[in-house]
PDB file of N, CA and C in Angstrom:
ATOM      1  N   GLY A   1      47.813 -34.293 -75.988  1.00  0.00           N
ATOM      2  CA  GLY A   1      49.289 -34.307 -76.224  1.00  0.00           C
ATOM      3  C   GLY A   1      49.588 -34.949 -77.797  1.00  0.00           C
ATOM      4  N   CYS A   2      48.401 -34.847 -78.458  1.00  0.00           N
ATOM      5  CA  CYS A   2      48.482 -35.651 -79.738  1.00  0.00           C
ATOM      6  C   CYS A   2      48.596 -34.502 -81.174  1.00  0.00           C
ATOM      7  N   HIS A   3      48.083 -33.217 -80.318  1.00  0.00           N
ATOM      8  CA  HIS A   3      47.790 -32.107 -81.433  1.00  0.00           C
ATOM      9  C   HIS A   3      47.871 -31.149 -81.130  1.00  0.00           C
ATOM     10  N   ALA A   4      48.190 -30.341 -81.722  1.00  0.00           N
ATOM     11  CA  ALA A   4      48.213 -28.656 -81.277  1.00  0.00           C
ATOM     12  C   ALA A   4      47.903 -27.402 -82.218  1.00  0.00           C
ATOM     13  N   ILE A   5      47.471 -26.291 -82.129  1.00  0.00           N
ATOM     14  CA  ILE A   5      47.137 -25.755 -82.858  1.00  0.00           C
ATOM     15  C   ILE A   5      47.394 -25.158 -84.137  1.00  0.00           C
ATOM     16  N   GLU A   6      48.689 -25.083 -84.009  1.00  0.00           N
ATOM     17  CA  GLU A   6      49.363 -24.418 -85.274  1.00  0.00           C
ATOM     18  C   GLU A   6      50.546 -25.655 -85.569  1.00  0.00           C
ATOM     19  N   SER A   7      50.794 -26.339 -84.766  1.00  0.00           N
ATOM     20  CA  SER A   7      51.496 -27.315 -85.257  1.00  0.00           C
ATOM     21  C   SER A   7      51.554 -28.688 -85.565  1.00  0.00           C
ATOM     22  N   ARG A   8      51.997 -29.635 -86.161  1.00  0.00           N
ATOM     23  CA  ARG A   8      52.208 -31.178 -85.790  1.00  0.00           C
ATOM     24  C   ARG A   8      52.082 -31.516 -84.820  1.00  0.00           C
ATOM     25  N   VAL A   9      52.166 -32.644 -84.351  1.00  0.00           N
ATOM     26  CA  VAL A   9      53.025 -33.393 -82.937  1.00  0.00           C
ATOM     27  C   VAL A   9      53.050 -34.970 -83.440  1.00  0.00           C
ATOM     28  N   LEU A  10      51.751 -35.841 -83.029  1.00  0.00           N
ATOM     29  CA  LEU A  10      51.268 -36.924 -83.619  1.00  0.00           C
ATOM     30  C   LEU A  10      50.777 -37.108 -84.688  1.00  0.00           C
ATOM     31  N   GLY A  11      49.328 -36.315 -84.763  1.00  0.00           N
ATOM     32  CA  GLY A  11      48.979 -36.173 -85.599  1.00  0.00           C
ATOM     33  C   GLY A  11      48.561 -34.483 -85.616  1.00  0.00           C
ATOM     34  N   PRO A  12      47.406 -34.063 -86.902  1.00  0.00           N
ATOM     35  CA  PRO A  12      47.393 -32.910 -87.523  1.00  0.00           C
ATOM     36  C   PRO A  12      47.517 -31.496 -86.531  1.00  0.00           C
ATOM     37  N   SER A  13      47.802 -30.930 -86.918  1.00  0.00           N
ATOM     38  CA  SER A  13      47.165 -29.650 -86.302  1.00  0.00           C
ATOM     39  C   SER A  13      45.740 -29.144 -86.404  1.00  0.00           C
ATOM     40  N   TYR A  14      45.316 -28.479 -85.773  1.00  0.00           N
ATOM     41  CA  TYR A  14      44.158 -28.444 -85.477  1.00  0.00           C
ATOM     42  C   TYR A  14      43.702 -27.151 -86.955  1.00  0.00           C
ATOM     43  N   LYS A  15      44.583 -26.379 -87.067  1.00  0.00           N
ATOM     44  CA  LYS A  15      44.616 -25.919 -88.263  1.00  0.00           C
ATOM     45  C   LYS A  15      44.201 -26.536 -89.828  1.00  0.00           C
ATOM     46  N   GLU A  16      45.549 -27.469 -89.524  1.00  0.00           N
ATOM     47  CA  GLU A  16      45.156 -28.574 -91.025  1.00  0.00           C
ATOM     48  C   GLU A  16      44.090 -29.098 -91.059  1.00  0.00           C
ATOM     49  N   VAL A  17      43.140 -29.746 -89.758  1.00  0.00           N
ATOM     50  CA  VAL A  17      42.187 -29.891 -89.961  1.00  0.00           C
ATOM     51  C   VAL A  17      41.109 -29.248 -90.718  1.00  0.00           C
ATOM     52  N   ALA A  18      40.986 -28.237 -89.717  1.00  0.00           N
ATOM     53  CA  ALA A  18      40.213 -27.266 -90.382  1.00  0.00           C
ATOM     54  C   ALA A  18      40.511 -26.807 -91.781  1.00  0.00           C
ATOM     55  N   ALA A  19      41.557 -26.838 -92.458  1.00  0.00           N
ATOM     56  CA  ALA A  19      41.740 -26.218 -93.671  1.00  0.00           C
ATOM     57  C   ALA A  19      41.560 -27.467 -94.738  1.00  0.00           C
ATOM     58  N   LYS A  20      42.055 -28.520 -93.793  1.00  0.00           N
ATOM     59  CA  LYS A  20      40.899 -30.064 -95.389  1.00  0.00           C
ATOM     60  C   LYS A  20      39.294 -30.014 -95.420  1.00  0.00           C
ATOM     61  N   TYR A  21      39.171 -29.930 -94.104  1.00  0.00           N
ATOM     62  CA  TYR A  21      37.353 -29.509 -94.158  1.00  0.00           C
ATOM     63  C   TYR A  21      36.731 -28.706 -94.607  1.00  0.00           C
ATOM     64  N   ALA A  22      37.533 -27.350 -94.991  1.00  0.00           N
ATOM     65  CA  ALA A  22      36.662 -25.942 -95.202  1.00  0.00           C
ATOM     66  C   ALA A  22      35.558 -26.368 -96.138  1.00  0.00           C
ATOM     67  N   GLY A  23      34.912 -25.876 -96.346  1.00  0.00           N
ATOM     68  CA  GLY A  23      33.805 -25.786 -97.307  1.00  0.00           C
ATOM     69  C   GLY A  23      33.114 -26.718 -97.393  1.00  0.00           C
ATOM     70  N   GLN A  24      32.945 -27.914 -96.815  1.00  0.00           N
ATOM     71  CA  GLN A  24      32.268 -29.184 -96.853  1.00  0.00           C
ATOM     72  C   GLN A  24      31.591 -28.847 -95.786  1.00  0.00           C
ATOM     73  N   LYS A  25      29.879 -29.543 -96.637  1.00  0.00           N
ATOM     74  CA  LYS A  25      28.571 -29.071 -95.706  1.00  0.00           C
ATOM     75  C   LYS A  25      28.942 -30.358 -94.362  1.00  0.00           C
ATOM     76  N   ASP A  26      29.286 -31.780 -95.103  1.00  0.00           N
ATOM     77  CA  ASP A  26      29.225 -32.767 -93.742  1.00  0.00           C
ATOM     78  C   ASP A  26      30.429 -32.174 -92.944  1.00  0.00           C
ATOM     79  N   ALA A  27      31.448 -31.242 -92.696  1.00  0.00           N
ATOM     80  CA  ALA A  27      32.379 -31.494 -91.859  1.00  0.00           C
ATOM     81  C   ALA A  27      32.262 -32.040 -90.524  1.00  0.00           C
ATOM     82  N   GLU A  28      31.307 -31.119 -90.176  1.00  0.00           N
ATOM     83  CA  GLU A  28      31.071 -31.632 -88.780  1.00  0.00           C
ATOM     84  C   GLU A  28      30.725 -33.134 -88.043  1.00  0.00           C
ATOM     85  N   ALA A  29      29.893 -33.083 -89.082  1.00  0.00           N
ATOM     86  CA  ALA A  29      29.702 -34.750 -88.899  1.00  0.00           C
ATOM     87  C   ALA A  29      30.524 -35.594 -89.176  1.00  0.00           C
ATOM     88  N   THR A  30      31.137 -35.247 -90.213  1.00  0.00           N
ATOM     89  CA  THR A  30      32.698 -36.283 -90.293  1.00  0.00           C
ATOM     90  C   THR A  30      33.540 -36.449 -89.447  1.00  0.00           C
ATOM     91  N   VAL A  31      33.987 -35.236 -88.866  1.00  0.00           N
ATOM     92  CA  VAL A  31      34.863 -35.116 -87.435  1.00  0.00           C
ATOM     93  C   VAL A  31      34.091 -35.593 -86.267  1.00  0.00           C
ATOM     94  N   THR A  32      33.125 -35.148 -86.485  1.00  0.00           N
ATOM     95  CA  THR A  32      32.784 -35.632 -85.147  1.00  0.00           C
ATOM     96  C   THR A  32      32.839 -37.095 -84.684  1.00  0.00           C
ATOM     97  N   ALA A  33      32.373 -38.066 -86.134  1.00  0.00           N
ATOM     98  CA  ALA A  33      32.534 -39.461 -86.218  1.00  0.00           C
ATOM     99  C   ALA A  33      33.381 -39.724 -86.042  1.00  0.00           C
ATOM    100  N   HIS A  34      34.654 -39.412 -86.649  1.00  0.00           N
ATOM    101  CA  HIS A  34      36.317 -39.603 -86.684  1.00  0.00           C
ATOM    102  C   HIS A  34      36.642 -39.498 -85.039  1.00  0.00           C
ATOM    103  N   ILE A  35      36.381 -38.071 -84.258  1.00  0.00           N
ATOM    104  CA  ILE A  35      36.581 -37.837 -83.149  1.00  0.00           C
ATOM    105  C   ILE A  35      36.029 -39.434 -81.895  1.00  0.00           C
ATOM    106  N   LYS A  36      35.081 -39.469 -82.736  1.00  0.00           N
ATOM    107  CA  LYS A  36      34.074 -41.057 -81.698  1.00  0.00           C
ATOM    108  C   LYS A  36      34.955 -42.621 -82.181  1.00  0.00           C
ATOM    109  N   SER A  37      35.182 -42.382 -83.500  1.00  0.00           N
ATOM    110  CA  SER A  37      35.389 -43.816 -83.746  1.00  0.00           C
ATOM    111  C   SER A  37      37.135 -44.043 -83.913  1.00  0.00           C
ATOM    112  N   GLY A  38      37.667 -42.912 -84.316  1.00  0.00           N
ATOM    113  CA  GLY A  38      39.170 -42.921 -84.282  1.00  0.00           C
ATOM    114  C   GLY A  38      39.355 -43.691 -85.792  1.00  0.00           C
ATOM    115  N   GLY A  39      40.625 -44.159 -85.697  1.00  0.00           N
ATOM    116  CA  GLY A  39      40.918 -44.037 -87.080  1.00  0.00           C
ATOM    117  C   GLY A  39      42.671 -44.545 -87.565  1.00  0.00           C
ATOM    118  N   VAL A  40      43.009 -45.191 -88.544  1.00  0.00           N
ATOM    119  CA  VAL A  40      44.350 -44.711 -89.056  1.00  0.00           C
ATOM    120  C   VAL A  40      44.334 -44.268 -90.739  1.00  0.00           C
ATOM    121  N   GLY A  41      45.062 -43.711 -91.330  1.00  0.00           N
ATOM    122  CA  GLY A  41      45.490 -43.653 -92.462  1.00  0.00           C
ATOM    123  C   GLY A  41      44.763 -42.333 -92.832  1.00  0.00           C
ATOM    124  N   ARG A  42      44.019 -41.578 -92.041  1.00  0.00           N
ATOM    125  CA  ARG A  42      43.753 -40.302 -92.651  1.00  0.00           C
ATOM    126  C   ARG A  42      44.665 -39.198 -92.814  1.00  0.00           C
ATOM    127  N   TRP A  43      45.548 -39.025 -92.003  1.00  0.00           N
ATOM    128  CA  TRP A  43      46.683 -38.863 -91.569  1.00  0.00           C
ATOM    129  C   TRP A  43      47.784 -39.146 -91.495  1.00  0.00           C
ATOM    130  N   GLY A  44      48.203 -40.355 -92.193  1.00  0.00           N
ATOM    131  CA  GLY A  44      49.432 -41.151 -91.363  1.00  0.00           C
ATOM    132  C   GLY A  44      49.239 -42.487 -91.057  1.00  0.00           C
ATOM    133  N   GLN A  45      49.925 -42.633 -90.538  1.00  0.00           N
ATOM    134  CA  GLN A  45      49.813 -44.478 -89.940  1.00  0.00           C
ATOM    135  C   GLN A  45      49.948 -44.613 -88.527  1.00  0.00           C
ATOM    136  N   ILE A  46      49.631 -43.306 -87.920  1.00  0.00           N
ATOM    137  CA  ILE A  46      49.600 -43.336 -86.426  1.00  0.00           C
ATOM    138  C   ILE A  46      48.006 -43.355 -85.899  1.00  0.00           C
ATOM    139  N   PRO A  47      48.031 -44.615 -85.818  1.00  0.00           N
ATOM    140  CA  PRO A  47      46.283 -44.561 -84.887  1.00  0.00           C
ATOM    141  C   PRO A  47      45.954 -43.200 -84.232  1.00  0.00           C
ATOM    142  N   MET A  48      44.996 -42.426 -84.753  1.00  0.00           N
ATOM    143  CA  MET A  48      44.249 -41.729 -83.302  1.00  0.00           C
ATOM    144  C   MET A  48      43.059 -42.692 -82.816  1.00  0.00           C
ATOM    145  N   PRO A  49      43.352 -43.152 -80.843  1.00  0.00           N
ATOM    146  CA  PRO A  49      42.199 -43.745 -80.932  1.00  0.00           C
ATOM    147  C   PRO A  49      40.775 -42.998 -80.410  1.00  0.00           C
ATOM    148  N   ALA A  50      39.993 -44.133 -80.775  1.00  0.00           N
ATOM    149  CA  ALA A  50      38.549 -43.735 -80.166  1.00  0.00           C
ATOM    150  C   ALA A  50      38.386 -42.493 -79.185  1.00  0.00           C
ATOM    151  N   GLN A  51      37.041 -41.990 -78.946  1.00  0.00           N
ATOM    152  CA  GLN A  51      36.953 -41.221 -77.487  1.00  0.00           C
ATOM    153  C   GLN A  51      35.094 -41.272 -77.853  1.00  0.00           C
ATOM    154  N   ALA A  52      35.317 -42.824 -77.739  1.00  0.00           N
ATOM    155  CA  ALA A  52      33.744 -43.480 -77.873  1.00  0.00           C
ATOM    156  C   ALA A  52      32.937 -42.583 -76.620  1.00  0.00           C
ATOM    157  N   GLN A  53      33.877 -42.394 -75.211  1.00  0.00           N
ATOM    158  CA  GLN A  53      32.972 -42.409 -74.117  1.00  0.00           C
ATOM    159  C   GLN A  53      32.550 -40.989 -74.235  1.00  0.00           C
ATOM    160  N   LEU A  54      33.078 -40.477 -75.172  1.00  0.00           N
ATOM    161  CA  LEU A  54      32.648 -38.659 -75.502  1.00  0.00           C
ATOM    162  C   LEU A  54      30.992 -38.984 -75.489  1.00  0.00           C
ATOM    163  N   SER A  55      30.254 -37.831 -74.950  1.00  0.00           N
ATOM    164  CA  SER A  55      28.647 -38.019 -75.328  1.00  0.00           C
ATOM    165  C   SER A  55      28.568 -37.182 -77.199  1.00  0.00           C
ATOM    166  N   ASP A  56      27.761 -37.368 -77.765  1.00  0.00           N
ATOM    167  CA  ASP A  56      27.014 -36.779 -78.865  1.00  0.00           C
ATOM    168  C   ASP A  56      27.658 -35.660 -79.117  1.00  0.00           C
ATOM    169  N   ALA A  57      26.679 -34.865 -77.960  1.00  0.00           N
ATOM    170  CA  ALA A  57      26.939 -33.436 -78.193  1.00  0.00           C
ATOM    171  C   ALA A  57      28.519 -33.264 -77.684  1.00  0.00           C
ATOM    172  N   ASP A  58      29.070 -33.646 -76.911  1.00  0.00           N
ATOM    173  CA  ASP A  58      30.322 -33.133 -76.571  1.00  0.00           C
ATOM    174  C   ASP A  58      31.232 -33.800 -77.907  1.00  0.00           C
ATOM    175  N   ALA A  59      30.975 -34.626 -78.845  1.00  0.00           N
ATOM    176  CA  ALA A  59      32.191 -35.099 -79.871  1.00  0.00           C
ATOM    177  C   ALA A  59      31.436 -33.842 -80.917  1.00  0.00           C
ATOM    178  N   LYS A  60      30.054 -33.673 -80.929  1.00  0.00           N
ATOM    179  CA  LYS A  60      30.433 -32.142 -81.692  1.00  0.00           C
ATOM    180  C   LYS A  60      30.505 -31.003 -81.590  1.00  0.00           C
ATOM    181  N   ALA A  61      30.387 -30.514 -80.233  1.00  0.00           N
ATOM    182  CA  ALA A  61      31.184 -29.510 -79.838  1.00  0.00           C
ATOM    183  C   ALA A  61      32.520 -29.571 -80.014  1.00  0.00           C
ATOM    184  N   LEU A  62      33.403 -30.587 -79.914  1.00  0.00           N
ATOM    185  CA  LEU A  62      34.778 -30.763 -79.749  1.00  0.00           C
ATOM    186  C   LEU A  62      35.001 -30.302 -81.507  1.00  0.00           C
ATOM    187  N   ALA A  63      34.135 -31.290 -82.201  1.00  0.00           N
ATOM    188  CA  ALA A  63      34.230 -31.048 -83.961  1.00  0.00           C
ATOM    189  C   ALA A  63      34.317 -29.532 -83.982  1.00  0.00           C
ATOM    190  N   ALA A  64      33.425 -28.816 -83.360  1.00  0.00           N
ATOM    191  CA  ALA A  64      33.048 -27.592 -84.349  1.00  0.00           C
ATOM    192  C   ALA A  64      34.434 -26.704 -83.591  1.00  0.00           C
ATOM    193  N   TRP A  65      35.163 -27.238 -82.457  1.00  0.00           N
ATOM    194  CA  TRP A  65      36.241 -26.362 -82.290  1.00  0.00           C
ATOM    195  C   TRP A  65      37.284 -26.516 -82.847  1.00  0.00           C
ATOM    196  N   VAL A  66      37.675 -27.930 -83.331  1.00  0.00           N
ATOM    197  CA  VAL A  66      38.989 -28.122 -84.422  1.00  0.00           C
ATOM    198  C   VAL A  66      38.595 -27.325 -85.470  1.00  0.00           C
ATOM    199  N   LEU A  67      37.139 -27.604 -86.224  1.00  0.00           N
ATOM    200  CA  LEU A  67      36.986 -26.934 -87.381  1.00  0.00           C
ATOM    201  C   LEU A  67      37.055 -25.584 -87.685  1.00  0.00           C
ATOM    202  N   ARG A  68      37.263 -24.925 -85.990  1.00  0.00           N
ATOM    203  CA  ARG A  68      37.144 -23.524 -86.441  1.00  0.00           C
ATOM    204  C   ARG A  68      39.365 -23.260 -85.999  1.00  0.00           C
ATOM    205  N   GLY A  69      39.636 -24.217 -85.643  1.00  0.00           N
ATOM    206  CA  GLY A  69      41.347 -24.342 -86.047  1.00  0.00           C
ATOM    207  C   GLY A  69      41.511 -24.483 -84.522  1.00  0.00           C
ATOM    208  N   GLY A  70      40.844 -24.641 -83.808  1.00  0.00           N
ATOM    209  CA  GLY A  70      41.492 -24.730 -82.203  1.00  0.00           C
ATOM    210  C   GLY A  70      41.034 -23.299 -81.346  1.00  0.00           C
ATOM    211  N   LYS A  71      39.888 -22.436 -82.109  1.00  0.00           N
ATOM    212  CA  LYS A  71      39.695 -21.187 -81.342  1.00  0.00           C
ATOM    213  C   LYS A  71      38.289 -21.097 -81.051  1.00  0.00           C
TER     214      LYS A  71
END
């Protein structure tokens, strides 16, 4: 409920995230870490809760999907 593919909800759209990290060779590792640790301040002041319960493999798969713009 916090993200959508093409439009902002509480957080950025997946397309915005993909565009921000496009061309960065460490993008998948960075987004994976952000998913697992959560945070605030990268996209505004609404905190993203940590998803520490995800396995590293699941978080990496989710990051790859986000970096494809939710496709």
